[in-house]
Amino acid sequence: TNGRISPFSPPLRLVPMAVGAFVPTTALPRTRRRSHAPTKCAPRSAGSSPSTQPSNAKPTTPPWAGGGPVTSLVNAVISFEPLYKIIRTQAKQTLIRTAEQNGVPWMQMLEDLDQSPAREYFDGVRNPDIDYPSYYTLPFHGYPEGNLCWKAAFEAEAATQAVAIRTKVGDAGMSGEQAVKKIRDLLHEKVLEHAGEQLRQATDVLDVACSVGVSTRLLREYLSEIREADQPPVRMTGLDLSPHMLSVAKYRSALNGDD
């Protein structure tokens, strides 16, 4: 809204991943887009096929899309830059504090990555020919540079765990890592319902928008569990626009002994 993302949005989207394997390499093949003025973000409308909705039916807005006086008030507030900065800071601190209270060592995870060799992988994954779409350079999740900064990459895994714990999908006392795995396994099972034998026989799998590689790693583990022992290992590849995210993914991959 108003060209920016609300600070109240979750710090990391937890969505089904594309089928794929774990070798975070480059920040995408060259994608040419001419520079243009930043676009404004608009609520995504609910879509449906002609076979499920009559052509003369009025579009409906899903409950999660917001609307009404509350949404208008929030939009007005975050369009005022000084107030928006205060709200963004307070929202972020609340998220971190809640995460720490739920057992996610956010600040320690951030410090560990900040002092790690993760930055050394940057030149190897960065693609200087990418002309980023304007939406990707807008502030996002409280980061002025969006996903194109080190702090976003260093906090991504902690934020993922914090959101996973708040979904209440697991038992009380479940750790952040366990909660993330629980959510991912539920998603994997849904993917398996649709992909079935094709997924079991896959030899190359691509995780699009892999971020720091959490989804890629857990998908590989899941595929290893459902495949026959005599099947060859799956080649996992992670793909993302952010070289900062990929640098952390490569660092984590190296720690785990992955190729």
C-alpha atoms as a PDB file:
ATOM      1  CA  THR A   1       0.000   0.000   0.000  1.00  0.00           C
ATOM      2  CA  ASN A   2       1.319   3.449  -0.871  1.00  0.00           C
ATOM      3  CA  GLY A   3       4.430   1.907  -2.384  1.00  0.00           C
ATOM      4  CA  ARG A   4       5.558   0.078   0.754  1.00  0.00           C
ATOM      5  CA  ILE A   5       4.851  -3.041   2.722  1.00  0.00           C
ATOM      6  CA  SER A   6       3.125  -2.704   6.067  1.00  0.00           C
ATOM      7  CA  PRO A   7       5.375  -3.419   9.086  1.00  0.00           C
ATOM      8  CA  PHE A   8       2.593  -5.621  10.400  1.00  0.00           C
ATOM      9  CA  SER A   9       3.017  -8.168   7.615  1.00  0.00           C
ATOM     10  CA  PRO A  10       4.733 -11.459   8.630  1.00  0.00           C
ATOM     11  CA  PRO A  11       8.527 -11.333   8.424  1.00  0.00           C
ATOM     12  CA  LEU A  12       8.711 -14.255   6.041  1.00  0.00           C
ATOM     13  CA  ARG A  13       6.155 -15.860   3.771  1.00  0.00           C
ATOM     14  CA  LEU A  14       5.608 -19.550   4.475  1.00  0.00           C
ATOM     15  CA  VAL A  15       4.380 -20.849   1.138  1.00  0.00           C
ATOM     16  CA  PRO A  16       4.702 -24.136  -0.775  1.00  0.00           C
ATOM     17  CA  MET A  17       7.969 -24.279  -2.640  1.00  0.00           C
ATOM     18  CA  ALA A  18       8.564 -25.385  -6.207  1.00  0.00           C
ATOM     19  CA  VAL A  19      10.037 -28.853  -6.496  1.00  0.00           C
ATOM     20  CA  GLY A  20      13.895 -28.588  -6.459  1.00  0.00           C
ATOM     21  CA  ALA A  21      17.383 -29.331  -5.052  1.00  0.00           C
ATOM     22  CA  PHE A  22      20.024 -27.616  -2.957  1.00  0.00           C
ATOM     23  CA  VAL A  23      22.857 -25.915  -4.750  1.00  0.00           C
ATOM     24  CA  PRO A  24      22.338 -22.160  -4.289  1.00  0.00           C
ATOM     25  CA  THR A  25      24.348 -20.796  -7.191  1.00  0.00           C
ATOM     26  CA  THR A  26      23.684 -17.466  -8.837  1.00  0.00           C
ATOM     27  CA  ALA A  27      21.134 -14.778  -8.199  1.00  0.00           C
ATOM     28  CA  LEU A  28      19.198 -15.773 -11.345  1.00  0.00           C
ATOM     29  CA  PRO A  29      19.930 -15.741 -15.035  1.00  0.00           C
ATOM     30  CA  ARG A  30      20.000 -12.347 -16.625  1.00  0.00           C
ATOM     31  CA  THR A  31      16.560 -10.781 -16.605  1.00  0.00           C
ATOM     32  CA  ARG A  32      16.262  -7.526 -18.503  1.00  0.00           C
ATOM     33  CA  ARG A  33      13.760  -4.981 -17.367  1.00  0.00           C
ATOM     34  CA  ARG A  34      14.027  -1.327 -18.212  1.00  0.00           C
ATOM     35  CA  SER A  35      14.187   1.034 -15.298  1.00  0.00           C
ATOM     36  CA  HIS A  36      10.893   2.655 -14.490  1.00  0.00           C
ATOM     37  CA  ALA A  37       9.248   4.524 -11.682  1.00  0.00           C
ATOM     38  CA  PRO A  38       8.422   2.451  -8.577  1.00  0.00           C
ATOM     39  CA  THR A  39       5.016   0.885  -8.821  1.00  0.00           C
ATOM     40  CA  LYS A  40       2.487   1.058  -6.067  1.00  0.00           C
ATOM     41  CA  CYS A  41       1.481  -2.165  -4.386  1.00  0.00           C
ATOM     42  CA  ALA A  42      -2.205  -2.954  -4.695  1.00  0.00           C
ATOM     43  CA  PRO A  43      -4.269  -5.584  -2.880  1.00  0.00           C
ATOM     44  CA  ARG A  44      -4.313  -8.840  -4.829  1.00  0.00           C
ATOM     45  CA  SER A  45      -7.814  -9.580  -6.003  1.00  0.00           C
ATOM     46  CA  ALA A  46      -9.337 -13.024  -5.742  1.00  0.00           C
ATOM     47  CA  GLY A  47      -9.203 -14.768  -9.093  1.00  0.00           C
ATOM     48  CA  SER A  48     -11.223 -17.651 -10.422  1.00  0.00           C
ATOM     49  CA  SER A  49     -11.645 -19.430 -13.702  1.00  0.00           C
ATOM     50  CA  PRO A  50     -14.712 -18.873 -15.947  1.00  0.00           C
ATOM     51  CA  SER A  51     -15.813 -22.413 -15.183  1.00  0.00           C
ATOM     52  CA  THR A  52     -16.168 -21.665 -11.484  1.00  0.00           C
ATOM     53  CA  GLN A  53     -17.516 -18.122 -11.552  1.00  0.00           C
ATOM     54  CA  PRO A  54     -20.129 -16.657 -13.899  1.00  0.00           C
ATOM     55  CA  SER A  55     -18.821 -13.836 -16.073  1.00  0.00           C
ATOM     56  CA  ASN A  56     -21.383 -11.411 -14.660  1.00  0.00           C
ATOM     57  CA  ALA A  57     -20.555 -12.135 -11.024  1.00  0.00           C
ATOM     58  CA  LYS A  58     -19.049  -9.349  -8.984  1.00  0.00           C
ATOM     59  CA  PRO A  59     -15.453  -9.966  -7.810  1.00  0.00           C
ATOM     60  CA  THR A  60     -15.245 -10.845  -4.156  1.00  0.00           C
ATOM     61  CA  THR A  61     -12.518  -9.774  -1.760  1.00  0.00           C
ATOM     62  CA  PRO A  62     -11.114 -12.550   0.451  1.00  0.00           C
ATOM     63  CA  PRO A  63     -11.245 -11.946   4.225  1.00  0.00           C
ATOM     64  CA  TRP A  64      -7.456 -11.697   4.501  1.00  0.00           C
ATOM     65  CA  ALA A  65      -7.271  -8.827   2.006  1.00  0.00           C
ATOM     66  CA  GLY A  66      -8.525  -6.304   4.540  1.00  0.00           C
ATOM     67  CA  GLY A  67     -10.636  -3.309   3.662  1.00  0.00           C
ATOM     68  CA  GLY A  68     -12.938  -0.878   5.356  1.00  0.00           C
ATOM     69  CA  PRO A  69     -12.174   1.964   7.781  1.00  0.00           C
ATOM     70  CA  VAL A  70      -9.451   0.120   9.719  1.00  0.00           C
ATOM     71  CA  THR A  71      -7.447  -0.573   6.568  1.00  0.00           C
ATOM     72  CA  SER A  72      -7.904   3.019   5.422  1.00  0.00           C
ATOM     73  CA  LEU A  73      -6.646   4.267   8.795  1.00  0.00           C
ATOM     74  CA  VAL A  74      -3.586   1.993   8.712  1.00  0.00           C
ATOM     75  CA  ASN A  75      -2.787   3.093   5.154  1.00  0.00           C
ATOM     76  CA  ALA A  76      -3.039   6.740   6.165  1.00  0.00           C
ATOM     77  CA  VAL A  77      -0.777   6.191   9.168  1.00  0.00           C
ATOM     78  CA  ILE A  78       1.981   4.363   7.296  1.00  0.00           C
ATOM     79  CA  SER A  79       1.944   6.939   4.501  1.00  0.00           C
ATOM     80  CA  PHE A  80       3.231   9.511   7.026  1.00  0.00           C
ATOM     81  CA  GLU A  81       6.983   8.820   6.965  1.00  0.00           C
ATOM     82  CA  PRO A  82       8.014   9.943  10.505  1.00  0.00           C
ATOM     83  CA  LEU A  83       5.197   7.956  12.108  1.00  0.00           C
ATOM     84  CA  TYR A  84       5.822   4.983   9.830  1.00  0.00           C
ATOM     85  CA  LYS A  85       9.455   4.781  10.992  1.00  0.00           C
ATOM     86  CA  ILE A  86       8.346   4.679  14.624  1.00  0.00           C
ATOM     87  CA  ILE A  87       5.734   2.000  13.930  1.00  0.00           C
ATOM     88  CA  ARG A  88       8.212  -0.058  11.911  1.00  0.00           C
ATOM     89  CA  THR A  89      10.785   0.040  14.702  1.00  0.00           C
ATOM     90  CA  GLN A  90       8.258  -0.830  17.403  1.00  0.00           C
ATOM     91  CA  ALA A  91       6.749  -3.657  15.346  1.00  0.00           C
ATOM     92  CA  LYS A  92      10.196  -5.147  14.731  1.00  0.00           C
ATOM     93  CA  GLN A  93      11.156  -4.952  18.400  1.00  0.00           C
ATOM     94  CA  THR A  94       7.883  -6.616  19.373  1.00  0.00           C
ATOM     95  CA  LEU A  95       8.547  -9.435  16.906  1.00  0.00           C
ATOM     96  CA  ILE A  96      12.074  -9.975  18.230  1.00  0.00           C
ATOM     97  CA  ARG A  97      10.949  -9.844  21.860  1.00  0.00           C
ATOM     98  CA  THR A  98       8.157 -12.354  21.217  1.00  0.00           C
ATOM     99  CA  ALA A  99      10.565 -14.635  19.369  1.00  0.00           C
ATOM    100  CA  GLU A 100      13.056 -14.591  22.239  1.00  0.00           C
ATOM    101  CA  GLN A 101      10.280 -15.322  24.739  1.00  0.00           C
ATOM    102  CA  ASN A 102       9.275 -18.333  22.625  1.00  0.00           C
ATOM    103  CA  GLY A 103      12.782 -19.762  22.611  1.00  0.00           C
ATOM    104  CA  VAL A 104      14.088 -18.402  19.308  1.00  0.00           C
ATOM    105  CA  PRO A 105      17.550 -16.873  20.001  1.00  0.00           C
ATOM    106  CA  TRP A 106      17.033 -14.105  17.430  1.00  0.00           C
ATOM    107  CA  MET A 107      19.819 -11.775  18.537  1.00  0.00           C
ATOM    108  CA  GLN A 108      22.337 -14.603  18.968  1.00  0.00           C
ATOM    109  CA  MET A 109      21.518 -15.998  15.520  1.00  0.00           C
ATOM    110  CA  LEU A 110      21.951 -12.526  14.052  1.00  0.00           C
ATOM    111  CA  GLU A 111      25.302 -12.022  15.796  1.00  0.00           C
ATOM    112  CA  ASP A 112      26.580 -15.465  14.777  1.00  0.00           C
ATOM    113  CA  LEU A 113      25.841 -14.845  11.097  1.00  0.00           C
ATOM    114  CA  ASP A 114      27.167 -11.304  11.241  1.00  0.00           C
ATOM    115  CA  GLN A 115      30.509 -12.669  12.468  1.00  0.00           C
ATOM    116  CA  SER A 116      30.505 -15.657  10.081  1.00  0.00           C
ATOM    117  CA  PRO A 117      32.210 -15.953   6.666  1.00  0.00           C
ATOM    118  CA  ALA A 118      28.805 -15.694   4.917  1.00  0.00           C
ATOM    119  CA  ARG A 119      29.803 -12.455   3.168  1.00  0.00           C
ATOM    120  CA  GLU A 120      32.676 -14.247   1.458  1.00  0.00           C
ATOM    121  CA  TYR A 121      30.176 -16.071  -0.790  1.00  0.00           C
ATOM    122  CA  PHE A 122      28.657 -12.837  -2.094  1.00  0.00           C
ATOM    123  CA  ASP A 123      30.823 -12.341  -5.187  1.00  0.00           C
ATOM    124  CA  GLY A 124      30.311 -15.963  -6.201  1.00  0.00           C
ATOM    125  CA  VAL A 125      26.502 -15.726  -6.259  1.00  0.00           C
ATOM    126  CA  ARG A 126      25.995 -12.123  -7.324  1.00  0.00           C
ATOM    127  CA  ASN A 127      24.852 -11.511 -10.883  1.00  0.00           C
ATOM    128  CA  PRO A 128      25.831  -7.932 -11.848  1.00  0.00           C
ATOM    129  CA  ASP A 129      23.686  -8.096 -14.998  1.00  0.00           C
ATOM    130  CA  ILE A 130      20.394  -8.293 -13.128  1.00  0.00           C
ATOM    131  CA  ASP A 131      18.138  -5.276 -13.558  1.00  0.00           C
ATOM    132  CA  TYR A 132      15.902  -5.724 -10.520  1.00  0.00           C
ATOM    133  CA  PRO A 133      12.163  -5.123 -10.905  1.00  0.00           C
ATOM    134  CA  SER A 134      11.135  -1.965  -9.087  1.00  0.00           C
ATOM    135  CA  TYR A 135       8.983  -3.827  -6.550  1.00  0.00           C
ATOM    136  CA  TYR A 136      12.027  -5.788  -5.375  1.00  0.00           C
ATOM    137  CA  THR A 137      13.900  -2.636  -4.372  1.00  0.00           C
ATOM    138  CA  LEU A 138      11.081  -1.256  -2.203  1.00  0.00           C
ATOM    139  CA  PRO A 139      11.152  -1.420   1.627  1.00  0.00           C
ATOM    140  CA  PHE A 140       9.946  -4.829   2.748  1.00  0.00           C
ATOM    141  CA  HIS A 141       9.506  -6.465   6.165  1.00  0.00           C
ATOM    142  CA  GLY A 142      10.931  -3.380   7.833  1.00  0.00           C
ATOM    143  CA  TYR A 143      14.150  -3.314   5.784  1.00  0.00           C
ATOM    144  CA  PRO A 144      14.635  -0.106   3.734  1.00  0.00           C
ATOM    145  CA  GLU A 145      16.531  -2.094   1.063  1.00  0.00           C
ATOM    146  CA  GLY A 146      14.044  -4.977   1.115  1.00  0.00           C
ATOM    147  CA  ASN A 147      15.777  -8.349   0.703  1.00  0.00           C
ATOM    148  CA  LEU A 148      18.875  -6.737  -0.800  1.00  0.00           C
ATOM    149  CA  CYS A 149      20.717  -6.249   2.484  1.00  0.00           C
ATOM    150  CA  TRP A 150      22.691  -8.317   4.969  1.00  0.00           C
ATOM    151  CA  LYS A 151      20.395  -7.763   7.929  1.00  0.00           C
ATOM    152  CA  ALA A 152      17.417  -9.200   6.039  1.00  0.00           C
ATOM    153  CA  ALA A 153      19.496 -12.261   5.149  1.00  0.00           C
ATOM    154  CA  PHE A 154      20.932 -12.667   8.645  1.00  0.00           C
ATOM    155  CA  GLU A 155      17.505 -12.416  10.301  1.00  0.00           C
ATOM    156  CA  ALA A 156      15.575 -14.538   7.795  1.00  0.00           C
ATOM    157  CA  GLU A 157      15.927 -17.881   9.577  1.00  0.00           C
ATOM    158  CA  ALA A 158      15.122 -16.434  12.998  1.00  0.00           C
ATOM    159  CA  ALA A 159      12.060 -14.706  11.548  1.00  0.00           C
ATOM    160  CA  THR A 160      10.961 -17.952   9.906  1.00  0.00           C
ATOM    161  CA  GLN A 161      11.183 -19.780  13.226  1.00  0.00           C
ATOM    162  CA  ALA A 162       9.347 -16.981  15.044  1.00  0.00           C
ATOM    163  CA  VAL A 163       6.431 -17.100  12.593  1.00  0.00           C
ATOM    164  CA  ALA A 164       6.346 -20.907  12.660  1.00  0.00           C
ATOM    165  CA  ILE A 165       6.042 -21.003  16.441  1.00  0.00           C
ATOM    166  CA  ARG A 166       3.195 -18.486  16.358  1.00  0.00           C
ATOM    167  CA  THR A 167       1.188 -20.702  13.987  1.00  0.00           C
ATOM    168  CA  LYS A 168       0.675 -23.170  16.853  1.00  0.00           C
ATOM    169  CA  VAL A 169       0.948 -26.174  14.541  1.00  0.00           C
ATOM    170  CA  GLY A 170       2.979 -28.256  16.964  1.00  0.00           C
ATOM    171  CA  ASP A 171       3.071 -29.216  20.597  1.00  0.00           C
ATOM    172  CA  ALA A 172       3.771 -26.782  23.405  1.00  0.00           C
ATOM    173  CA  GLY A 173       7.487 -26.347  23.947  1.00  0.00           C
ATOM    174  CA  MET A 174       8.361 -27.123  20.328  1.00  0.00           C
ATOM    175  CA  SER A 175      11.533 -25.332  19.220  1.00  0.00           C
ATOM    176  CA  GLY A 176      11.638 -22.907  16.317  1.00  0.00           C
ATOM    177  CA  GLU A 177      13.440 -25.435  14.105  1.00  0.00           C
ATOM    178  CA  GLN A 178      10.905 -28.135  14.960  1.00  0.00           C
ATOM    179  CA  ALA A 179       7.990 -25.816  14.214  1.00  0.00           C
ATOM    180  CA  VAL A 180       9.442 -24.877  10.816  1.00  0.00           C
ATOM    181  CA  LYS A 181       9.959 -28.555   9.945  1.00  0.00           C
ATOM    182  CA  LYS A 182       6.402 -29.357  11.036  1.00  0.00           C
ATOM    183  CA  ILE A 183       4.958 -26.685   8.733  1.00  0.00           C
ATOM    184  CA  ARG A 184       7.193 -27.675   5.833  1.00  0.00           C
ATOM    185  CA  ASP A 185       6.304 -31.352   6.178  1.00  0.00           C
ATOM    186  CA  LEU A 186       2.613 -30.456   6.010  1.00  0.00           C
ATOM    187  CA  LEU A 187       3.316 -28.544   2.806  1.00  0.00           C
ATOM    188  CA  HIS A 188       5.430 -31.392   1.442  1.00  0.00           C
ATOM    189  CA  GLU A 189       2.585 -33.833   2.013  1.00  0.00           C
ATOM    190  CA  LYS A 190       0.237 -31.609   0.012  1.00  0.00           C
ATOM    191  CA  VAL A 191       2.788 -31.370  -2.795  1.00  0.00           C
ATOM    192  CA  LEU A 192       3.131 -35.159  -2.727  1.00  0.00           C
ATOM    193  CA  GLU A 193      -0.639 -35.545  -3.098  1.00  0.00           C
ATOM    194  CA  HIS A 194      -0.443 -33.701  -6.418  1.00  0.00           C
ATOM    195  CA  ALA A 195       3.003 -34.748  -7.693  1.00  0.00           C
ATOM    196  CA  GLY A 196       2.990 -38.330  -6.401  1.00  0.00           C
ATOM    197  CA  GLU A 197       5.262 -40.672  -8.310  1.00  0.00           C
ATOM    198  CA  GLN A 198       6.774 -37.828 -10.316  1.00  0.00           C
ATOM    199  CA  LEU A 199       8.150 -36.331  -7.124  1.00  0.00           C
ATOM    200  CA  ARG A 200       9.442 -39.660  -5.885  1.00  0.00           C
ATOM    201  CA  GLN A 201      11.305 -40.253  -9.143  1.00  0.00           C
ATOM    202  CA  ALA A 202      12.667 -36.714  -9.545  1.00  0.00           C
ATOM    203  CA  THR A 203      16.422 -36.408  -9.980  1.00  0.00           C
ATOM    204  CA  ASP A 204      16.646 -32.600 -10.219  1.00  0.00           C
ATOM    205  CA  VAL A 205      14.476 -30.381  -8.056  1.00  0.00           C
ATOM    206  CA  LEU A 206      14.340 -26.570  -8.060  1.00  0.00           C
ATOM    207  CA  ASP A 207      13.295 -24.434  -5.099  1.00  0.00           C
ATOM    208  CA  VAL A 208      12.278 -21.049  -6.528  1.00  0.00           C
ATOM    209  CA  ALA A 209      12.688 -18.074  -4.159  1.00  0.00           C
ATOM    210  CA  CYS A 210      14.720 -20.230  -1.771  1.00  0.00           C
ATOM    211  CA  SER A 211      15.749 -17.318   0.491  1.00  0.00           C
ATOM    212  CA  VAL A 212      18.470 -18.604   2.852  1.00  0.00           C
ATOM    213  CA  GLY A 213      17.851 -22.240   1.919  1.00  0.00           C
ATOM    214  CA  VAL A 214      15.700 -23.391   4.843  1.00  0.00           C
ATOM    215  CA  SER A 215      12.912 -24.638   2.560  1.00  0.00           C
ATOM    216  CA  THR A 216      15.419 -26.250   0.202  1.00  0.00           C
ATOM    217  CA  ARG A 217      17.186 -28.187   2.928  1.00  0.00           C
ATOM    218  CA  LEU A 218      13.948 -29.461   4.465  1.00  0.00           C
ATOM    219  CA  LEU A 219      12.566 -30.469   1.070  1.00  0.00           C
ATOM    220  CA  ARG A 220      15.703 -32.491   0.396  1.00  0.00           C
ATOM    221  CA  GLU A 221      15.350 -34.244   3.749  1.00  0.00           C
ATOM    222  CA  TYR A 222      11.711 -35.040   3.021  1.00  0.00           C
ATOM    223  CA  LEU A 223      12.507 -36.448  -0.417  1.00  0.00           C
ATOM    224  CA  SER A 224      15.220 -38.613   1.085  1.00  0.00           C
ATOM    225  CA  GLU A 225      12.666 -40.072   3.480  1.00  0.00           C
ATOM    226  CA  ILE A 226      10.049 -40.980   0.857  1.00  0.00           C
ATOM    227  CA  ARG A 227      12.406 -42.394  -1.791  1.00  0.00           C
ATOM    228  CA  GLU A 228      13.568 -45.983  -2.104  1.00  0.00           C
ATOM    229  CA  ALA A 229      17.018 -46.797  -0.730  1.00  0.00           C
ATOM    230  CA  ASP A 230      18.377 -47.807  -4.145  1.00  0.00           C
ATOM    231  CA  GLN A 231      17.352 -44.553  -5.822  1.00  0.00           C
ATOM    232  CA  PRO A 232      20.091 -42.016  -6.631  1.00  0.00           C
ATOM    233  CA  PRO A 233      20.174 -38.859  -4.493  1.00  0.00           C
ATOM    234  CA  VAL A 234      18.261 -35.829  -5.690  1.00  0.00           C
ATOM    235  CA  ARG A 235      20.207 -32.852  -6.982  1.00  0.00           C
ATOM    236  CA  MET A 236      18.762 -29.861  -5.155  1.00  0.00           C
ATOM    237  CA  THR A 237      19.032 -26.318  -6.520  1.00  0.00           C
ATOM    238  CA  GLY A 238      17.991 -23.129  -4.750  1.00  0.00           C
ATOM    239  CA  LEU A 239      17.182 -20.025  -6.801  1.00  0.00           C
ATOM    240  CA  ASP A 240      16.706 -16.496  -5.475  1.00  0.00           C
ATOM    241  CA  LEU A 241      16.986 -12.867  -6.577  1.00  0.00           C
ATOM    242  CA  SER A 242      18.881 -11.746  -3.470  1.00  0.00           C
ATOM    243  CA  PRO A 243      22.646 -12.446  -3.451  1.00  0.00           C
ATOM    244  CA  HIS A 244      22.610 -11.704   0.280  1.00  0.00           C
ATOM    245  CA  MET A 245      20.121 -14.513   0.903  1.00  0.00           C
ATOM    246  CA  LEU A 246      22.066 -16.860  -1.376  1.00  0.00           C
ATOM    247  CA  SER A 247      25.316 -16.055   0.436  1.00  0.00           C
ATOM    248  CA  VAL A 248      23.780 -17.222   3.701  1.00  0.00           C
ATOM    249  CA  ALA A 249      22.342 -20.285   1.941  1.00  0.00           C
ATOM    250  CA  LYS A 250      25.776 -21.167   0.533  1.00  0.00           C
ATOM    251  CA  TYR A 251      27.383 -20.684   3.941  1.00  0.00           C
ATOM    252  CA  ARG A 252      24.793 -22.929   5.617  1.00  0.00           C
ATOM    253  CA  SER A 253      25.246 -25.452   2.830  1.00  0.00           C
ATOM    254  CA  ALA A 254      28.999 -25.523   3.390  1.00  0.00           C
ATOM    255  CA  LEU A 255      28.499 -26.019   7.138  1.00  0.00           C
ATOM    256  CA  ASN A 256      26.283 -29.033   6.414  1.00  0.00           C
ATOM    257  CA  GLY A 257      28.801 -30.498   3.982  1.00  0.00           C
ATOM    258  CA  ASP A 258      26.529 -30.067   0.947  1.00  0.00           C
ATOM    259  CA  ASP A 259      27.730 -29.426  -2.582  1.00  0.00           C
END
